[in-house]
PDB file of all heavy atoms in Angstrom:
ATOM      1  N   LEU A   1      -9.759   7.961 -14.140  1.00  0.00           N
ATOM      2  CA  LEU A   1      -8.885   8.079 -12.975  1.00  0.00           C
ATOM      3  C   LEU A   1      -9.509   7.506 -11.705  1.00  0.00           C
ATOM      4  O   LEU A   1      -8.800   7.174 -10.752  1.00  0.00           O
ATOM      5  CB  LEU A   1      -8.503   9.548 -12.751  1.00  0.00           C
ATOM      6  CG  LEU A   1      -7.674  10.202 -13.865  1.00  0.00           C
ATOM      7  CD1 LEU A   1      -7.441  11.675 -13.557  1.00  0.00           C
ATOM      8  CD2 LEU A   1      -6.337   9.485 -14.042  1.00  0.00           C
ATOM      9  N   GLY A   2     -10.812   7.388 -11.692  1.00  0.00           N
ATOM     10  CA  GLY A   2     -11.481   6.854 -10.507  1.00  0.00           C
ATOM     11  C   GLY A   2     -11.569   5.345 -10.473  1.00  0.00           C
ATOM     12  O   GLY A   2     -12.107   4.773  -9.517  1.00  0.00           O
ATOM     13  N   ASP A   3     -11.037   4.661 -11.480  1.00  0.00           N
ATOM     14  CA  ASP A   3     -11.057   3.198 -11.506  1.00  0.00           C
ATOM     15  C   ASP A   3     -10.356   2.664 -10.257  1.00  0.00           C
ATOM     16  O   ASP A   3      -9.174   2.928 -10.046  1.00  0.00           O
ATOM     17  CB  ASP A   3     -10.347   2.700 -12.771  1.00  0.00           C
ATOM     18  CG  ASP A   3     -10.481   1.197 -12.975  1.00  0.00           C
ATOM     19  OD1 ASP A   3     -10.557   0.461 -11.972  1.00  0.00           O
ATOM     20  OD2 ASP A   3     -10.503   0.752 -14.133  1.00  0.00           O
ATOM     21  N   PRO A   4     -11.045   1.891  -9.420  1.00  0.00           N
ATOM     22  CA  PRO A   4     -10.483   1.499  -8.117  1.00  0.00           C
ATOM     23  C   PRO A   4      -9.621   0.246  -8.150  1.00  0.00           C
ATOM     24  O   PRO A   4      -9.051  -0.131  -7.125  1.00  0.00           O
ATOM     25  CB  PRO A   4     -11.743   1.244  -7.289  1.00  0.00           C
ATOM     26  CG  PRO A   4     -12.724   0.706  -8.283  1.00  0.00           C
ATOM     27  CD  PRO A   4     -12.444   1.446  -9.579  1.00  0.00           C
ATOM     28  N   ARG A   5      -9.491  -0.418  -9.296  1.00  0.00           N
ATOM     29  CA  ARG A   5      -8.859  -1.737  -9.301  1.00  0.00           C
ATOM     30  C   ARG A   5      -7.377  -1.704  -8.938  1.00  0.00           C
ATOM     31  O   ARG A   5      -6.901  -2.560  -8.175  1.00  0.00           O
ATOM     32  CB  ARG A   5      -9.061  -2.390 -10.676  1.00  0.00           C
ATOM     33  CG  ARG A   5     -10.488  -2.839 -10.931  1.00  0.00           C
ATOM     34  CD  ARG A   5     -10.663  -3.368 -12.341  1.00  0.00           C
ATOM     35  NE  ARG A   5     -10.491  -2.318 -13.341  1.00  0.00           N
ATOM     36  CZ  ARG A   5     -10.554  -2.528 -14.651  1.00  0.00           C
ATOM     37  NH1 ARG A   5     -10.764  -3.757 -15.110  1.00  0.00           N
ATOM     38  NH2 ARG A   5     -10.402  -1.515 -15.506  1.00  0.00           N
ATOM     39  N   ASP A   6      -6.631  -0.741  -9.450  1.00  0.00           N
ATOM     40  CA  ASP A   6      -5.207  -0.683  -9.112  1.00  0.00           C
ATOM     41  C   ASP A   6      -4.997  -0.385  -7.635  1.00  0.00           C
ATOM     42  O   ASP A   6      -4.102  -0.959  -6.997  1.00  0.00           O
ATOM     43  CB  ASP A   6      -4.500   0.374  -9.963  1.00  0.00           C
ATOM     44  CG  ASP A   6      -4.213  -0.121 -11.371  1.00  0.00           C
ATOM     45  OD1 ASP A   6      -4.100  -1.342 -11.566  1.00  0.00           O
ATOM     46  OD2 ASP A   6      -4.116   0.717 -12.290  1.00  0.00           O
ATOM     47  N   GLU A   7      -5.787   0.509  -7.084  1.00  0.00           N
ATOM     48  CA  GLU A   7      -5.648   0.815  -5.658  1.00  0.00           C
ATOM     49  C   GLU A   7      -5.963  -0.410  -4.816  1.00  0.00           C
ATOM     50  O   GLU A   7      -5.278  -0.691  -3.819  1.00  0.00           O
ATOM     51  CB  GLU A   7      -6.560   1.978  -5.264  1.00  0.00           C
ATOM     52  CG  GLU A   7      -6.390   2.394  -3.813  1.00  0.00           C
ATOM     53  CD  GLU A   7      -7.200   3.631  -3.450  1.00  0.00           C
ATOM     54  OE1 GLU A   7      -7.917   4.153  -4.325  1.00  0.00           O
ATOM     55  OE2 GLU A   7      -7.111   4.062  -2.286  1.00  0.00           O
ATOM     56  N   ALA A   8      -6.979  -1.171  -5.212  1.00  0.00           N
ATOM     57  CA  ALA A   8      -7.316  -2.393  -4.478  1.00  0.00           C
ATOM     58  C   ALA A   8      -6.166  -3.396  -4.538  1.00  0.00           C
ATOM     59  O   ALA A   8      -5.829  -4.050  -3.539  1.00  0.00           O
ATOM     60  CB  ALA A   8      -8.600  -3.012  -5.045  1.00  0.00           C
ATOM     61  N   ASN A   9      -5.534  -3.518  -5.712  1.00  0.00           N
ATOM     62  CA  ASN A   9      -4.413  -4.450  -5.848  1.00  0.00           C
ATOM     63  C   ASN A   9      -3.170  -3.960  -5.111  1.00  0.00           C
ATOM     64  O   ASN A   9      -2.424  -4.758  -4.537  1.00  0.00           O
ATOM     65  CB  ASN A   9      -4.082  -4.656  -7.326  1.00  0.00           C
ATOM     66  CG  ASN A   9      -5.078  -5.567  -8.020  1.00  0.00           C
ATOM     67  OD1 ASN A   9      -5.836  -6.293  -7.377  1.00  0.00           O
ATOM     68  ND2 ASN A   9      -5.084  -5.538  -9.348  1.00  0.00           N
ATOM     69  N   ALA A  10      -2.931  -2.647  -5.124  1.00  0.00           N
ATOM     70  CA  ALA A  10      -1.742  -2.096  -4.474  1.00  0.00           C
ATOM     71  C   ALA A  10      -1.807  -2.213  -2.960  1.00  0.00           C
ATOM     72  O   ALA A  10      -0.762  -2.230  -2.290  1.00  0.00           O
ATOM     73  CB  ALA A  10      -1.552  -0.636  -4.880  1.00  0.00           C
ATOM     74  N   THR A  11      -2.987  -2.293  -2.398  1.00  0.00           N
ATOM     75  CA  THR A  11      -3.140  -2.387  -0.942  1.00  0.00           C
ATOM     76  C   THR A  11      -3.510  -3.796  -0.483  1.00  0.00           C
ATOM     77  O   THR A  11      -3.481  -4.072   0.716  1.00  0.00           O
ATOM     78  CB  THR A  11      -4.219  -1.411  -0.453  1.00  0.00           C
ATOM     79  OG1 THR A  11      -5.453  -1.682  -1.140  1.00  0.00           O
ATOM     80  CG2 THR A  11      -3.812   0.031  -0.719  1.00  0.00           C
ATOM     81  N   ARG A  12      -3.823  -4.675  -1.406  1.00  0.00           N
ATOM     82  CA  ARG A  12      -4.279  -6.022  -1.071  1.00  0.00           C
ATOM     83  C   ARG A  12      -3.200  -6.814  -0.328  1.00  0.00           C
ATOM     84  O   ARG A  12      -2.040  -6.831  -0.711  1.00  0.00           O
ATOM     85  CB  ARG A  12      -4.667  -6.769  -2.349  1.00  0.00           C
ATOM     86  CG  ARG A  12      -5.074  -8.224  -2.137  1.00  0.00           C
ATOM     87  CD  ARG A  12      -5.616  -8.808  -3.428  1.00  0.00           C
ATOM     88  NE  ARG A  12      -5.775 -10.252  -3.345  1.00  0.00           N
ATOM     89  CZ  ARG A  12      -6.386 -10.997  -4.259  1.00  0.00           C
ATOM     90  NH1 ARG A  12      -6.907 -10.423  -5.338  1.00  0.00           N
ATOM     91  NH2 ARG A  12      -6.472 -12.307  -4.119  1.00  0.00           N
ATOM     92  N   GLY A  13      -3.605  -7.468   0.737  1.00  0.00           N
ATOM     93  CA  GLY A  13      -2.724  -8.363   1.471  1.00  0.00           C
ATOM     94  C   GLY A  13      -1.694  -7.683   2.342  1.00  0.00           C
ATOM     95  O   GLY A  13      -0.742  -8.332   2.798  1.00  0.00           O
ATOM     96  N   LYS A  14      -1.869  -6.396   2.630  1.00  0.00           N
ATOM     97  CA  LYS A  14      -0.864  -5.720   3.452  1.00  0.00           C
ATOM     98  C   LYS A  14      -0.889  -6.256   4.879  1.00  0.00           C
ATOM     99  O   LYS A  14      -1.936  -6.326   5.517  1.00  0.00           O
ATOM    100  CB  LYS A  14      -1.094  -4.210   3.441  1.00  0.00           C
ATOM    101  CG  LYS A  14      -0.020  -3.442   4.207  1.00  0.00           C
ATOM    102  CD  LYS A  14      -0.135  -1.936   4.020  1.00  0.00           C
ATOM    103  CE  LYS A  14       0.950  -1.205   4.789  1.00  0.00           C
ATOM    104  NZ  LYS A  14       0.927   0.252   4.566  1.00  0.00           N
ATOM    105  N   LEU A  15       0.322  -6.597   5.395  1.00  0.00           N
ATOM    106  CA  LEU A  15       0.444  -7.183   6.725  1.00  0.00           C
ATOM    107  C   LEU A  15       1.130  -6.250   7.722  1.00  0.00           C
ATOM    108  O   LEU A  15       0.804  -6.260   8.900  1.00  0.00           O
ATOM    109  CB  LEU A  15       1.241  -8.495   6.647  1.00  0.00           C
ATOM    110  CG  LEU A  15       0.686  -9.585   5.726  1.00  0.00           C
ATOM    111  CD1 LEU A  15       1.657 -10.760   5.682  1.00  0.00           C
ATOM    112  CD2 LEU A  15      -0.688 -10.037   6.195  1.00  0.00           C
ATOM    113  N   ALA A  16       2.101  -5.481   7.261  1.00  0.00           N
ATOM    114  CA  ALA A  16       2.881  -4.636   8.176  1.00  0.00           C
ATOM    115  C   ALA A  16       3.641  -3.613   7.362  1.00  0.00           C
ATOM    116  O   ALA A  16       3.699  -3.689   6.127  1.00  0.00           O
ATOM    117  CB  ALA A  16       3.854  -5.493   8.993  1.00  0.00           C
ATOM    118  N   GLU A  17       4.237  -2.644   8.036  1.00  0.00           N
ATOM    119  CA  GLU A  17       5.062  -1.644   7.363  1.00  0.00           C
ATOM    120  C   GLU A  17       6.150  -1.159   8.288  1.00  0.00           C
ATOM    121  O   GLU A  17       6.066  -1.302   9.517  1.00  0.00           O
ATOM    122  CB  GLU A  17       4.220  -0.461   6.884  1.00  0.00           C
ATOM    123  CG  GLU A  17       3.602   0.364   7.991  1.00  0.00           C
ATOM    124  CD  GLU A  17       2.830   1.567   7.456  1.00  0.00           C
ATOM    125  OE1 GLU A  17       2.083   1.407   6.467  1.00  0.00           O
ATOM    126  OE2 GLU A  17       2.979   2.664   8.042  1.00  0.00           O
ATOM    127  N   ILE A  18       7.203  -0.587   7.706  1.00  0.00           N
ATOM    128  CA  ILE A  18       8.256   0.067   8.480  1.00  0.00           C
ATOM    129  C   ILE A  18       7.722   1.407   8.949  1.00  0.00           C
ATOM    130  O   ILE A  18       7.190   2.187   8.156  1.00  0.00           O
ATOM    131  CB  ILE A  18       9.528   0.245   7.629  1.00  0.00           C
ATOM    132  CG1 ILE A  18      10.117  -1.122   7.267  1.00  0.00           C
ATOM    133  CG2 ILE A  18      10.564   1.088   8.369  1.00  0.00           C
ATOM    134  CD1 ILE A  18      11.303  -1.048   6.309  1.00  0.00           C
ATOM    135  N   ALA A  19       7.845   1.671  10.228  1.00  0.00           N
ATOM    136  CA  ALA A  19       7.279   2.887  10.815  1.00  0.00           C
ATOM    137  C   ALA A  19       7.757   4.134  10.073  1.00  0.00           C
ATOM    138  O   ALA A  19       8.967   4.341   9.902  1.00  0.00           O
ATOM    139  CB  ALA A  19       7.660   2.979  12.294  1.00  0.00           C
ATOM    140  N   ASP A  20       6.804   4.929   9.617  1.00  0.00           N
ATOM    141  CA  ASP A  20       7.060   6.188   8.906  1.00  0.00           C
ATOM    142  C   ASP A  20       7.800   5.993   7.585  1.00  0.00           C
ATOM    143  O   ASP A  20       8.154   6.967   6.926  1.00  0.00           O
ATOM    144  CB  ASP A  20       7.856   7.178   9.776  1.00  0.00           C
ATOM    145  CG  ASP A  20       7.073   7.619  10.994  1.00  0.00           C
ATOM    146  OD1 ASP A  20       5.843   7.763  10.881  1.00  0.00           O
ATOM    147  OD2 ASP A  20       7.693   7.805  12.059  1.00  0.00           O
ATOM    148  N   GLY A  21       8.076   4.742   7.210  1.00  0.00           N
ATOM    149  CA  GLY A  21       8.826   4.508   5.974  1.00  0.00           C
ATOM    150  C   GLY A  21      10.236   5.047   6.036  1.00  0.00           C
ATOM    151  O   GLY A  21      10.768   5.524   5.037  1.00  0.00           O
ATOM    152  N   VAL A  22      10.876   4.962   7.201  1.00  0.00           N
ATOM    153  CA  VAL A  22      12.219   5.503   7.395  1.00  0.00           C
ATOM    154  C   VAL A  22      13.207   4.354   7.585  1.00  0.00           C
ATOM    155  O   VAL A  22      13.007   3.487   8.437  1.00  0.00           O
ATOM    156  CB  VAL A  22      12.284   6.445   8.612  1.00  0.00           C
ATOM    157  CG1 VAL A  22      13.715   6.928   8.842  1.00  0.00           C
ATOM    158  CG2 VAL A  22      11.351   7.624   8.420  1.00  0.00           C
ATOM    159  N   ILE A  23      14.279   4.357   6.792  1.00  0.00           N
ATOM    160  CA  ILE A  23      15.353   3.374   6.895  1.00  0.00           C
ATOM    161  C   ILE A  23      16.657   4.121   7.092  1.00  0.00           C
ATOM    162  O   ILE A  23      16.958   5.063   6.351  1.00  0.00           O
ATOM    163  CB  ILE A  23      15.430   2.502   5.630  1.00  0.00           C
ATOM    164  CG1 ILE A  23      14.126   1.710   5.431  1.00  0.00           C
ATOM    165  CG2 ILE A  23      16.623   1.544   5.700  1.00  0.00           C
ATOM    166  CD1 ILE A  23      14.056   0.984   4.107  1.00  0.00           C
ATOM    167  N   THR A  24      17.423   3.713   8.078  1.00  0.00           N
ATOM    168  CA  THR A  24      18.719   4.344   8.338  1.00  0.00           C
ATOM    169  C   THR A  24      19.828   3.310   8.234  1.00  0.00           C
ATOM    170  O   THR A  24      19.612   2.115   8.429  1.00  0.00           O
ATOM    171  CB  THR A  24      18.770   4.995   9.733  1.00  0.00           C
ATOM    172  OG1 THR A  24      18.471   4.003  10.719  1.00  0.00           O
ATOM    173  CG2 THR A  24      17.752   6.117   9.836  1.00  0.00           C
TER     174      THR A  24
END
C-alpha cells in the first residue's frame, strides 16, 4: 500500500483546479 508510483502519477503535471471542487 505504500508504493508511491500511483500517487506520483495521479498528481503529476497538475496546473490548476476548480476552487473547493464545487460546480454549480
